[in-house]
């Protein structure tokens, strides 16, 4: 079995992955703050996590994958006021939409999906422990973590003390001992969600949520913590600091995995530039599998440039892969063939999905030349990274609402016109179908069609 290596954000090195317990690999990923639809930048992190967990499940007998939901946050409060709707209605709808979007792109659900609001007791317990051991303090209804009292603060992000203070994205309030001290608990007014606590009615800070939930489900030491590179500081830095101070005999996360950012047409995605794309924006006119393939064509630590041309190219690649699978019967698709070692080895090199997809192209070449085993290998490889989950017929036929009998009748009429050398009529039928979004492909076995 190939050996997995991963780039560790803390050491800034690619190292061999050695699980703390080979019988149960434990993974925590930061999930969504549920106030709006997921955008394609969010999706890249979720696809990276999905491929990593799929690979771990292939390599190890058991994986416990936890991905949280942040459902108490000031952004949620602000959006609910803006929408004039209850917070619970906003979060319930957004969670439902998030699940739908991820399922559309073949992202498997986590084993455990804890919600922050269901773990307030665990957060309060952790905050009390930090106060008792001198790493946190109370001030004007707030509880704050004292950055100066943790000597290794900055050890994850690699920033200097001056950088950390300058880069701390928090308001500098009078009650703070130092500008970089961050909130563990803050007071809530009557119009804001809140819970009773030893420090008054209030709500948790963002960072303590993930620390408490990861500890509750995975313990004081677990294998992998992941997320987008935008979370490295301050969120993951703060998580690590408070977790290590609360559980000094543990390691918290043994390995840190961060995916790089996503650009749209070469620019950072933003609403002001008009290039902000939700997952649903893209899926309105693109097969979900093409979007997933586009996200996999760049290695997760490389900046990915999203373009419509790239989407079209991904769709054409999938056309080619599905043509290679067309020789397989239903029994071949049952999933008994393991992915080939050469493909798994590529993924084991720090999730090198571009190299893995290159191996899929090689399999497709052999399959198109008549090698049935290569076609089975191709389907197995696709299954491991969440691709090729459809059948060639379904992929090329697309919309189930199409009148397939009428389309086939027009194809038969075109064939008869060509035999009668009535090429004008044959071309007219092709044009008629093209206007309906149907592309014809003539080959040795006859004429096939797909949605264009």
Foldseek 3Di string as FASTA:
>chain_A
DAWFWAQFLLVRGIGTADFPDLQEAEEEEEAEAQQDFAFVQNVLFLLVVQLVVLLSVVVGVYYAYEYEYELADVVLLVSCVVVVHDSVVRRVVRVVNRVVLCVLLVRDDGPYYYYLVVQVVLLQVLLVLCVVLVQWDDFPLWIWGDPVPQPCQCSNVVDDPVCQLVPQPDDQDPRDPGSNIDTQWHADDPSGDWDQHPSGTTDGDDQSSSLSVCCVPPNLEHEEYEEAPVCSPPRVSVNQRSSCSSVVVYRRYPGYYHFYGEAEPPHNDDVVVVRTGGSVNVVVPARSNLSSVQSLQAQRNDYRYDYVVSSVVSLVLVLLLLVLLQPDDPVLLPQPDAADPQLSNCCSHNHNSNSNVVVLVVLSVVSVVPDNVSNSNNSNSCVSSRHPPDHSVCQFAPDPPDPVVVLVVLQVVLVVCVVVVVVVSNVVSQVVVVVVQKHWDQDPVGIDIGGD
